[in-house]
Protein backbone atom coordinates (compact mmCIF):
# COMPACT_ATOMS: atom_id res chain seq x y z
CA MET A 1 -5.40 19.68 -14.20
CA MET A 2 -2.42 17.35 -14.00
CA ASN A 3 0.32 17.33 -16.58
CA ASP A 4 1.84 13.96 -15.75
CA THR A 5 -0.46 11.43 -14.08
CA LEU A 6 2.27 8.78 -13.79
CA SER A 7 4.58 11.15 -11.95
CA SER A 8 1.85 12.18 -9.51
CA ALA A 9 0.88 8.52 -8.92
CA LEU A 10 4.48 7.52 -8.15
CA SER A 11 4.98 10.51 -5.85
CA ALA A 12 1.72 9.61 -4.01
CA ILE A 13 3.06 6.06 -3.53
CA LEU A 14 6.42 7.37 -2.31
CA ASN A 15 4.80 9.85 0.11
CA ALA A 16 2.49 7.19 1.56
CA GLU A 17 5.45 4.81 1.85
CA ARG A 18 7.51 7.39 3.75
CA LEU A 19 4.60 8.09 6.11
CA GLY A 20 4.38 4.37 6.90
CA ARG A 21 0.91 3.83 5.47
CA ARG A 22 -0.27 0.40 4.34
CA LYS A 23 -2.50 1.58 1.47
CA CYS A 24 -2.34 4.30 -1.14
CA LEU A 25 -5.17 5.64 -3.31
CA ILE A 26 -4.19 6.70 -6.82
CA LYS A 27 -6.45 8.91 -8.86
CA PRO A 28 -6.77 9.28 -11.82
CA GLN A 29 -5.78 5.88 -13.14
CA SER A 30 -4.57 4.94 -16.61
CA LYS A 31 -3.25 1.94 -18.53
CA ILE A 32 0.36 3.10 -18.09
CA ILE A 33 -0.08 3.47 -14.32
CA LYS A 34 -1.61 -0.02 -14.13
CA GLU A 35 1.30 -1.52 -16.08
CA VAL A 36 3.88 0.23 -13.90
CA LEU A 37 2.09 -1.03 -10.77
CA ARG A 38 2.00 -4.56 -12.25
CA ILE A 39 5.77 -4.49 -12.86
CA MET A 40 6.44 -3.10 -9.38
CA HIS A 41 4.24 -5.86 -7.90
CA GLU A 42 6.06 -8.59 -9.87
CA ASN A 43 9.42 -7.30 -8.60
CA GLY A 44 8.33 -7.15 -4.94
CA TYR A 45 8.05 -3.40 -4.45
CA LEU A 46 4.24 -3.31 -4.09
CA GLY A 47 1.60 -5.64 -2.74
CA GLU A 48 -1.68 -6.34 -4.49
CA TYR A 49 -3.54 -3.50 -6.15
CA SER A 50 -7.17 -3.21 -7.16
CA GLU A 51 -9.41 -0.89 -9.13
CA ILE A 52 -12.30 0.81 -7.34
CA GLU A 53 -15.11 2.15 -9.52
CA ASP A 54 -16.32 5.60 -8.55
CA GLY A 55 -18.07 6.59 -11.78
CA ARG A 56 -15.52 9.30 -12.56
CA GLY A 57 -12.42 7.60 -13.96
CA ASN A 58 -11.94 5.03 -11.19
CA ILE A 59 -9.36 4.83 -8.40
CA LEU A 60 -6.48 2.40 -7.92
CA GLU A 61 -5.82 1.15 -4.38
CA ALA A 62 -2.30 -0.21 -3.85
CA ASN A 63 -1.12 -2.13 -0.80
CA LEU A 64 2.32 -0.96 0.30
CA LEU A 65 4.99 -3.33 1.59
CA GLY A 66 7.47 -0.79 2.94
CA SER A 67 10.18 -1.78 0.46
CA ILE A 68 10.39 1.34 -1.74
CA ASN A 69 13.27 3.72 -1.07
CA LYS A 70 12.63 5.93 -4.10
CA CYS A 71 10.55 5.81 -7.24
CA GLY A 72 9.69 8.30 -9.92
CA ALA A 73 8.83 8.98 -13.53
CA ILE A 74 11.58 9.68 -16.05
CA LYS A 75 11.09 12.85 -18.06
CA PRO A 76 11.94 13.27 -20.88
CA ARG A 77 11.25 9.70 -21.93
CA PHE A 78 14.66 8.80 -23.31
CA SER A 79 14.99 6.28 -26.14
CA VAL A 80 17.58 3.67 -25.25
CA ALA A 81 19.05 0.70 -27.10
CA SER A 82 19.68 -2.54 -25.20
CA GLN A 83 23.47 -2.08 -25.10
CA TYR A 84 23.18 1.37 -23.43
CA PHE A 85 21.13 0.48 -20.34
CA GLU A 86 24.20 0.78 -18.11
CA LYS A 87 24.41 4.55 -18.71
CA PHE A 88 20.86 5.04 -17.43
CA GLU A 89 21.34 2.55 -14.57
CA LYS A 90 24.19 4.80 -13.35
CA ARG A 91 22.02 7.89 -13.72
CA PHE A 92 18.80 6.72 -12.04
CA LEU A 93 19.71 3.75 -9.79
CA PRO A 94 22.07 3.84 -6.78
CA ALA A 95 24.06 0.71 -7.72
CA LYS A 96 24.36 -1.91 -10.44
CA ASP A 97 21.67 -4.63 -10.20
CA PHE A 98 19.86 -2.68 -7.46
CA GLY A 99 16.40 -1.45 -8.45
CA ILE A 100 14.58 -1.47 -11.75
CA LEU A 101 14.14 0.78 -14.74
CA ILE A 102 10.72 0.40 -16.35
CA LEU A 103 10.59 0.88 -20.08
CA SER A 104 8.07 0.68 -22.88
CA THR A 105 9.19 -1.59 -25.72
CA PRO A 106 7.56 -2.92 -28.88
CA LYS A 107 6.97 -6.13 -26.87
CA GLY A 108 5.17 -4.35 -24.02
CA MET A 109 6.27 -2.71 -20.79
CA MET A 110 9.04 -4.48 -18.90
CA THR A 111 12.08 -3.95 -16.70
CA HIS A 112 15.50 -3.19 -18.12
CA ALA A 113 16.75 -6.62 -17.01
CA ASP A 114 14.05 -8.38 -19.06
CA ALA A 115 14.77 -6.12 -22.03
CA LYS A 116 18.49 -6.99 -21.81
CA LYS A 117 17.67 -10.71 -21.94
CA ILE A 118 15.66 -10.43 -25.16
CA HIS A 119 17.91 -7.69 -26.65
CA VAL A 120 15.23 -5.05 -27.19
CA GLY A 121 15.31 -1.31 -26.55
CA GLY A 122 12.57 1.19 -25.85
CA ARG A 123 11.65 4.35 -24.02
CA LEU A 124 12.35 4.84 -20.32
CA ILE A 125 9.18 5.39 -18.29
CA ALA A 126 10.03 5.10 -14.57
CA TYR A 127 12.51 3.81 -12.00
CA CYS A 128 12.14 2.19 -8.60
CA TYR A 129 14.52 0.97 -5.90
């Protein structure tokens, strides 16, 4: 039994990326994993992804582009206000404006840059660069 499905999904993506594979199968899948993959796709870290029905919780198949250096889940899921993103950028990202922090806000899941624009805070979920 897995404790953190998001963490295992991101580590599977990172391992496949480091091995030079073009596709990665993620199982089990969840709404949070789908949203994180959507945000990574919008920001150019992943290619298309699709859901494959297997009758037991389904599998996500993600196409890899070879542009991920590191990604991972953030535990514990810190609460952060919009004016304090810089502290967590320094902690999880290698440089300012390089990579994304993915957070869950009252307006849905988004990157820290989008959250800064609309001045909303939330809980940190994952990072990618």
